[in-house]
N, C-alpha and C. Protein backbone atom coordinates (compact mmCIF):
# COMPACT_ATOMS: atom_id res chain seq x y z
N MET A 1 6.82 17.68 3.47
CA MET A 1 5.59 17.45 2.73
C MET A 1 5.60 16.05 2.13
N VAL A 2 4.51 15.35 2.29
CA VAL A 2 4.39 13.98 1.82
C VAL A 2 4.07 13.99 0.30
N ARG A 3 4.74 13.13 -0.41
CA ARG A 3 4.44 12.90 -1.83
C ARG A 3 3.56 11.66 -1.92
N TYR A 4 2.34 11.83 -2.35
CA TYR A 4 1.37 10.74 -2.44
C TYR A 4 1.45 10.05 -3.79
N LEU A 5 0.95 8.83 -3.87
CA LEU A 5 0.87 8.14 -5.13
C LEU A 5 -0.35 8.56 -5.91
N HIS A 6 -0.24 8.60 -7.21
CA HIS A 6 -1.37 8.92 -8.12
C HIS A 6 -2.03 7.60 -8.52
N HIS A 7 -3.28 7.67 -8.87
CA HIS A 7 -4.03 6.49 -9.33
C HIS A 7 -3.24 5.75 -10.44
N LYS A 8 -2.72 6.53 -11.38
CA LYS A 8 -2.04 5.91 -12.53
C LYS A 8 -0.79 5.11 -12.08
N GLU A 9 -0.13 5.58 -11.04
CA GLU A 9 1.04 4.85 -10.51
C GLU A 9 0.62 3.50 -9.95
N VAL A 10 -0.48 3.49 -9.21
CA VAL A 10 -0.98 2.25 -8.59
C VAL A 10 -1.45 1.28 -9.68
N ILE A 11 -2.15 1.81 -10.68
CA ILE A 11 -2.58 0.98 -11.80
C ILE A 11 -1.40 0.37 -12.53
N LEU A 12 -0.35 1.18 -12.75
CA LEU A 12 0.86 0.66 -13.38
C LEU A 12 1.52 -0.42 -12.53
N LEU A 13 1.59 -0.22 -11.23
CA LEU A 13 2.17 -1.25 -10.34
C LEU A 13 1.40 -2.57 -10.51
N ASN A 14 0.08 -2.50 -10.54
CA ASN A 14 -0.75 -3.70 -10.71
C ASN A 14 -0.42 -4.40 -12.01
N ALA A 15 -0.34 -3.64 -13.09
CA ALA A 15 -0.05 -4.24 -14.42
C ALA A 15 1.33 -4.87 -14.44
N LEU A 16 2.32 -4.18 -13.89
CA LEU A 16 3.69 -4.74 -13.86
C LEU A 16 3.77 -6.01 -13.04
N ILE A 17 3.10 -6.03 -11.92
CA ILE A 17 3.11 -7.23 -11.04
C ILE A 17 2.48 -8.41 -11.75
N ILE A 18 1.35 -8.18 -12.40
CA ILE A 18 0.69 -9.29 -13.12
C ILE A 18 1.54 -9.76 -14.28
N LYS A 19 2.09 -8.85 -15.04
CA LYS A 19 2.91 -9.25 -16.19
C LYS A 19 4.12 -10.04 -15.74
N ARG A 20 4.67 -9.72 -14.61
CA ARG A 20 5.86 -10.42 -14.14
C ARG A 20 5.54 -11.76 -13.44
N TYR A 21 4.55 -11.77 -12.57
CA TYR A 21 4.33 -12.94 -11.72
C TYR A 21 3.18 -13.84 -12.15
N SER A 22 2.23 -13.29 -12.87
CA SER A 22 1.07 -14.14 -13.25
C SER A 22 0.48 -13.62 -14.57
N PRO A 23 1.26 -13.76 -15.65
CA PRO A 23 0.89 -13.14 -16.92
C PRO A 23 -0.45 -13.57 -17.52
N GLY A 24 -1.01 -14.66 -17.08
CA GLY A 24 -2.29 -15.08 -17.62
C GLY A 24 -3.51 -14.38 -16.97
N GLU A 25 -3.28 -13.67 -15.89
CA GLU A 25 -4.37 -13.04 -15.16
C GLU A 25 -4.86 -11.76 -15.86
N GLN A 26 -6.10 -11.44 -15.66
CA GLN A 26 -6.66 -10.20 -16.22
C GLN A 26 -6.06 -9.00 -15.49
N ILE A 27 -5.69 -8.03 -16.28
CA ILE A 27 -5.11 -6.78 -15.74
C ILE A 27 -6.17 -5.71 -15.78
N GLY A 28 -6.14 -4.84 -14.78
CA GLY A 28 -6.97 -3.67 -14.82
C GLY A 28 -7.83 -3.47 -13.58
N VAL A 29 -8.47 -2.33 -13.56
CA VAL A 29 -9.31 -1.94 -12.43
C VAL A 29 -10.69 -2.54 -12.60
N LYS A 30 -11.15 -3.19 -11.55
CA LYS A 30 -12.48 -3.77 -11.54
C LYS A 30 -13.50 -2.81 -10.95
N GLU A 31 -13.10 -2.11 -9.91
CA GLU A 31 -13.99 -1.19 -9.18
C GLU A 31 -13.30 0.17 -9.04
N PRO A 32 -13.48 1.08 -10.00
CA PRO A 32 -12.80 2.39 -9.95
C PRO A 32 -13.06 3.15 -8.67
N ALA A 33 -14.26 3.08 -8.12
CA ALA A 33 -14.57 3.82 -6.89
C ALA A 33 -13.74 3.30 -5.71
N LEU A 34 -13.51 1.99 -5.67
CA LEU A 34 -12.70 1.42 -4.58
C LEU A 34 -11.23 1.85 -4.71
N LEU A 35 -10.73 1.89 -5.94
CA LEU A 35 -9.37 2.37 -6.16
C LEU A 35 -9.24 3.84 -5.77
N ASP A 36 -10.22 4.65 -6.18
CA ASP A 36 -10.20 6.06 -5.83
C ASP A 36 -10.21 6.24 -4.32
N SER A 37 -11.03 5.50 -3.63
CA SER A 37 -11.07 5.58 -2.19
C SER A 37 -9.76 5.19 -1.54
N ALA A 38 -9.16 4.10 -2.01
CA ALA A 38 -7.90 3.60 -1.44
C ALA A 38 -6.76 4.59 -1.69
N VAL A 39 -6.66 5.13 -2.88
CA VAL A 39 -5.57 6.04 -3.20
C VAL A 39 -5.72 7.38 -2.47
N ASN A 40 -6.93 7.81 -2.25
CA ASN A 40 -7.15 9.08 -1.57
C ASN A 40 -7.19 8.95 -0.03
N ARG A 41 -7.35 7.75 0.49
CA ARG A 41 -7.46 7.55 1.95
C ARG A 41 -6.31 8.16 2.71
N PRO A 42 -5.04 8.00 2.28
CA PRO A 42 -3.94 8.57 3.09
C PRO A 42 -3.99 10.08 3.20
N GLN A 43 -4.72 10.75 2.32
CA GLN A 43 -4.79 12.21 2.33
C GLN A 43 -6.03 12.74 3.07
N GLN A 44 -6.82 11.88 3.65
CA GLN A 44 -8.07 12.32 4.27
C GLN A 44 -7.79 13.28 5.44
N ARG A 45 -8.75 14.22 5.57
CA ARG A 45 -8.71 15.21 6.65
C ARG A 45 -10.12 15.26 7.27
N ALA A 46 -10.13 15.52 8.54
CA ALA A 46 -11.42 15.71 9.24
C ALA A 46 -11.24 16.90 10.21
N PHE A 47 -12.11 17.85 10.10
CA PHE A 47 -12.09 19.04 10.94
C PHE A 47 -10.71 19.73 10.90
N GLY A 48 -10.15 19.76 9.70
CA GLY A 48 -8.87 20.45 9.48
C GLY A 48 -7.64 19.67 9.93
N GLU A 49 -7.85 18.45 10.43
CA GLU A 49 -6.71 17.61 10.90
C GLU A 49 -6.56 16.43 9.97
N GLU A 50 -5.29 16.04 9.76
CA GLU A 50 -5.04 14.83 8.95
C GLU A 50 -5.57 13.60 9.69
N ALA A 51 -6.27 12.73 8.98
CA ALA A 51 -6.73 11.49 9.59
C ALA A 51 -5.54 10.56 9.85
N TYR A 52 -4.54 10.64 9.02
CA TYR A 52 -3.33 9.80 9.14
C TYR A 52 -2.12 10.72 9.14
N PRO A 53 -1.71 11.22 10.30
CA PRO A 53 -0.70 12.29 10.37
C PRO A 53 0.74 11.90 10.13
N THR A 54 1.06 10.62 10.12
CA THR A 54 2.46 10.20 9.88
C THR A 54 2.54 9.45 8.57
N LEU A 55 3.75 9.36 8.02
CA LEU A 55 3.97 8.59 6.83
C LEU A 55 3.57 7.15 7.02
N TRP A 56 3.84 6.60 8.20
CA TRP A 56 3.55 5.20 8.49
C TRP A 56 2.06 4.93 8.50
N LEU A 57 1.27 5.85 9.03
CA LEU A 57 -0.17 5.70 9.04
C LEU A 57 -0.74 5.87 7.63
N LYS A 58 -0.18 6.79 6.86
CA LYS A 58 -0.60 7.00 5.48
C LYS A 58 -0.32 5.72 4.67
N ALA A 59 0.86 5.16 4.86
CA ALA A 59 1.23 3.93 4.16
C ALA A 59 0.33 2.81 4.57
N ALA A 60 0.02 2.70 5.83
CA ALA A 60 -0.87 1.65 6.35
C ALA A 60 -2.28 1.81 5.77
N ALA A 61 -2.75 3.03 5.69
CA ALA A 61 -4.12 3.29 5.15
C ALA A 61 -4.17 2.84 3.67
N LEU A 62 -3.17 3.17 2.90
CA LEU A 62 -3.12 2.78 1.51
C LEU A 62 -3.02 1.27 1.37
N TYR A 63 -2.12 0.66 2.09
CA TYR A 63 -1.88 -0.78 2.06
C TYR A 63 -3.15 -1.55 2.41
N SER A 64 -3.75 -1.22 3.56
CA SER A 64 -4.95 -1.97 4.00
C SER A 64 -6.14 -1.75 3.04
N SER A 65 -6.28 -0.54 2.52
CA SER A 65 -7.43 -0.30 1.63
C SER A 65 -7.34 -1.08 0.33
N ILE A 66 -6.13 -1.07 -0.28
CA ILE A 66 -5.99 -1.84 -1.53
C ILE A 66 -6.10 -3.32 -1.28
N ALA A 67 -5.45 -3.80 -0.22
CA ALA A 67 -5.42 -5.22 0.06
C ALA A 67 -6.79 -5.78 0.42
N GLN A 68 -7.59 -5.02 1.11
CA GLN A 68 -8.87 -5.56 1.61
C GLN A 68 -10.10 -5.28 0.73
N HIS A 69 -9.97 -4.36 -0.21
CA HIS A 69 -11.16 -3.92 -0.92
C HIS A 69 -11.24 -4.32 -2.41
N TYR A 70 -10.23 -5.00 -2.93
CA TYR A 70 -10.29 -5.64 -4.24
C TYR A 70 -10.73 -4.68 -5.35
N ALA A 71 -10.02 -3.62 -5.57
CA ALA A 71 -10.31 -2.67 -6.64
C ALA A 71 -9.90 -3.22 -8.00
N PHE A 72 -8.89 -4.13 -7.99
CA PHE A 72 -8.37 -4.69 -9.23
C PHE A 72 -8.97 -6.07 -9.49
N HIS A 73 -8.89 -6.50 -10.75
CA HIS A 73 -9.35 -7.82 -11.10
C HIS A 73 -8.48 -8.88 -10.43
N ASN A 74 -7.21 -8.64 -10.33
CA ASN A 74 -6.25 -9.61 -9.76
C ASN A 74 -5.11 -8.88 -9.07
N ALA A 75 -4.37 -9.63 -8.29
CA ALA A 75 -3.12 -9.13 -7.64
C ALA A 75 -3.36 -7.99 -6.66
N ASN A 76 -4.48 -7.97 -6.03
CA ASN A 76 -4.78 -6.90 -5.07
C ASN A 76 -3.80 -6.86 -3.89
N LYS A 77 -3.48 -8.01 -3.31
CA LYS A 77 -2.58 -8.03 -2.15
C LYS A 77 -1.16 -7.63 -2.57
N ARG A 78 -0.72 -8.18 -3.70
CA ARG A 78 0.62 -7.83 -4.19
C ARG A 78 0.70 -6.37 -4.54
N THR A 79 -0.33 -5.83 -5.17
CA THR A 79 -0.37 -4.42 -5.51
C THR A 79 -0.40 -3.55 -4.24
N ALA A 80 -1.13 -3.96 -3.27
CA ALA A 80 -1.20 -3.20 -2.00
C ALA A 80 0.18 -3.10 -1.38
N PHE A 81 0.89 -4.22 -1.31
CA PHE A 81 2.20 -4.23 -0.73
C PHE A 81 3.16 -3.36 -1.54
N ALA A 82 3.13 -3.49 -2.86
CA ALA A 82 4.01 -2.69 -3.72
C ALA A 82 3.70 -1.18 -3.61
N ALA A 83 2.42 -0.84 -3.52
CA ALA A 83 2.04 0.57 -3.41
C ALA A 83 2.52 1.14 -2.08
N MET A 84 2.39 0.37 -1.01
CA MET A 84 2.87 0.80 0.30
C MET A 84 4.37 1.03 0.26
N LYS A 85 5.10 0.07 -0.33
CA LYS A 85 6.57 0.20 -0.45
C LYS A 85 6.94 1.43 -1.27
N GLN A 86 6.20 1.66 -2.35
CA GLN A 86 6.49 2.81 -3.21
C GLN A 86 6.20 4.12 -2.51
N LEU A 87 5.16 4.17 -1.74
CA LEU A 87 4.80 5.38 -1.00
C LEU A 87 5.93 5.77 -0.02
N ILE A 88 6.41 4.79 0.72
CA ILE A 88 7.48 5.15 1.67
C ILE A 88 8.80 5.45 0.92
N TRP A 89 9.02 4.75 -0.22
CA TRP A 89 10.23 4.98 -0.98
C TRP A 89 10.30 6.43 -1.52
N VAL A 90 9.22 6.86 -2.14
CA VAL A 90 9.23 8.25 -2.69
C VAL A 90 9.29 9.31 -1.60
N ASN A 91 9.12 8.89 -0.36
CA ASN A 91 9.20 9.79 0.78
C ASN A 91 10.47 9.57 1.61
N GLY A 92 11.45 8.86 1.01
CA GLY A 92 12.74 8.76 1.61
C GLY A 92 13.03 7.57 2.50
N TYR A 93 12.18 6.56 2.46
CA TYR A 93 12.40 5.36 3.30
C TYR A 93 12.36 4.10 2.46
N GLN A 94 12.96 3.07 3.00
CA GLN A 94 13.03 1.79 2.31
C GLN A 94 12.51 0.72 3.27
N LEU A 95 11.61 -0.15 2.77
CA LEU A 95 11.11 -1.24 3.59
C LEU A 95 12.15 -2.37 3.57
N MET A 96 12.53 -2.83 4.74
CA MET A 96 13.54 -3.89 4.90
C MET A 96 12.86 -5.08 5.59
N VAL A 97 12.28 -5.94 4.78
CA VAL A 97 11.58 -7.12 5.34
C VAL A 97 11.79 -8.29 4.40
N PRO A 98 12.06 -9.47 4.92
CA PRO A 98 12.17 -10.66 4.07
C PRO A 98 10.86 -10.92 3.35
N GLU A 99 10.97 -11.44 2.13
CA GLU A 99 9.80 -11.67 1.29
C GLU A 99 8.74 -12.55 1.99
N ASN A 100 9.19 -13.60 2.67
CA ASN A 100 8.21 -14.50 3.32
C ASN A 100 7.49 -13.80 4.48
N GLU A 101 8.20 -12.94 5.20
CA GLU A 101 7.53 -12.20 6.27
C GLU A 101 6.53 -11.21 5.71
N ALA A 102 6.89 -10.55 4.63
CA ALA A 102 5.98 -9.60 3.96
C ALA A 102 4.73 -10.31 3.48
N ALA A 103 4.89 -11.46 2.90
CA ALA A 103 3.76 -12.24 2.41
C ALA A 103 2.86 -12.67 3.57
N ASP A 104 3.51 -13.14 4.66
CA ASP A 104 2.76 -13.56 5.85
C ASP A 104 1.95 -12.40 6.46
N PHE A 105 2.57 -11.22 6.53
CA PHE A 105 1.88 -10.09 7.10
C PHE A 105 0.69 -9.66 6.25
N THR A 106 0.88 -9.72 4.94
CA THR A 106 -0.22 -9.36 4.04
C THR A 106 -1.36 -10.33 4.14
N VAL A 107 -1.06 -11.62 4.25
CA VAL A 107 -2.13 -12.62 4.44
C VAL A 107 -2.82 -12.40 5.79
N GLU A 108 -2.01 -12.06 6.81
CA GLU A 108 -2.58 -11.77 8.12
C GLU A 108 -3.59 -10.62 8.01
N LEU A 109 -3.18 -9.58 7.30
CA LEU A 109 -4.01 -8.38 7.14
C LEU A 109 -5.31 -8.69 6.41
N VAL A 110 -5.27 -9.54 5.41
CA VAL A 110 -6.44 -9.78 4.60
C VAL A 110 -7.27 -10.98 5.03
N VAL A 111 -6.62 -12.05 5.43
CA VAL A 111 -7.32 -13.33 5.68
C VAL A 111 -7.48 -13.62 7.16
N ARG A 112 -6.39 -13.69 7.89
CA ARG A 112 -6.45 -14.18 9.25
C ARG A 112 -6.92 -13.12 10.25
N ASN A 113 -6.57 -11.88 10.02
CA ASN A 113 -6.91 -10.83 10.99
C ASN A 113 -7.24 -9.53 10.30
N PRO A 114 -8.32 -9.49 9.52
CA PRO A 114 -8.67 -8.27 8.76
C PRO A 114 -9.04 -7.09 9.64
N SER A 115 -9.17 -7.33 10.94
CA SER A 115 -9.51 -6.21 11.84
C SER A 115 -8.25 -5.49 12.37
N LEU A 116 -7.08 -5.86 11.89
CA LEU A 116 -5.87 -5.13 12.25
C LEU A 116 -6.14 -3.64 11.98
N ASN A 117 -5.79 -2.80 12.96
CA ASN A 117 -6.06 -1.39 12.72
C ASN A 117 -4.86 -0.69 12.09
N VAL A 118 -5.12 0.49 11.60
CA VAL A 118 -4.10 1.25 10.88
C VAL A 118 -2.89 1.51 11.76
N GLU A 119 -3.09 1.73 13.05
CA GLU A 119 -1.96 1.97 13.97
C GLU A 119 -1.05 0.73 14.04
N GLU A 120 -1.64 -0.45 14.12
CA GLU A 120 -0.85 -1.68 14.18
C GLU A 120 -0.08 -1.91 12.88
N ILE A 121 -0.76 -1.67 11.77
CA ILE A 121 -0.13 -1.83 10.45
C ILE A 121 0.99 -0.83 10.29
N GLY A 122 0.69 0.42 10.66
CA GLY A 122 1.69 1.49 10.59
C GLY A 122 2.95 1.19 11.43
N ALA A 123 2.72 0.63 12.62
CA ALA A 123 3.85 0.27 13.48
C ALA A 123 4.69 -0.81 12.84
N TRP A 124 4.07 -1.78 12.21
CA TRP A 124 4.81 -2.85 11.50
C TRP A 124 5.67 -2.24 10.39
N ILE A 125 5.06 -1.33 9.61
CA ILE A 125 5.76 -0.70 8.50
C ILE A 125 6.96 0.11 9.03
N LYS A 126 6.73 0.88 10.07
CA LYS A 126 7.80 1.69 10.64
C LYS A 126 8.94 0.81 11.20
N ASP A 127 8.56 -0.25 11.87
CA ASP A 127 9.56 -1.18 12.45
C ASP A 127 10.43 -1.86 11.39
N HIS A 128 9.92 -1.93 10.16
CA HIS A 128 10.63 -2.61 9.10
C HIS A 128 11.18 -1.65 8.05
N SER A 129 11.27 -0.39 8.41
CA SER A 129 11.74 0.61 7.43
C SER A 129 13.00 1.32 7.94
N LYS A 130 13.76 1.78 6.99
CA LYS A 130 14.93 2.63 7.35
C LYS A 130 14.97 3.77 6.34
N GLN A 131 15.56 4.88 6.81
CA GLN A 131 15.70 6.04 5.95
C GLN A 131 16.71 5.72 4.88
N ARG A 132 16.39 6.14 3.64
CA ARG A 132 17.30 5.93 2.50
C ARG A 132 18.39 6.99 2.50
N ASP A 133 19.54 6.59 1.98
CA ASP A 133 20.60 7.54 1.78
C ASP A 133 20.30 8.24 0.46
N MET A 134 19.82 9.48 0.53
CA MET A 134 19.35 10.21 -0.66
C MET A 134 20.50 10.69 -1.52
N ASP A 135 21.77 10.57 -1.07
CA ASP A 135 22.90 11.01 -1.86
C ASP A 135 23.32 10.04 -2.90
N LYS A 136 22.79 8.82 -2.85
CA LYS A 136 23.21 7.78 -3.81
C LYS A 136 22.33 7.76 -5.01
């Protein structure tokens, strides 16, 4: 069973990111409906079937929605990446990607190639993830 992120967790991630990396920026949700849509997207169902049946697709749906739809005043791309990482973490996986590659992929998703589909994004996440040792 997948453990999804709650709105409050994503809002907290945004606040922590801004406080750490850009403390002068405004913190908070700019468009609550966009945040609601992004956080709920991984859980969507149609005709009794999950729209995003794998953890990778769920993570991709969350990541792309937050990154591309600007629910927050600031740090949307950074929050999107952190939320995606947190979603796979709480479900037993760790993202293993150099910081510069992660930043490049996020810019690709938002600026250079916003038409990347969820399957392509999910494949990238899966290719850069490994199962965590839950005994530690």
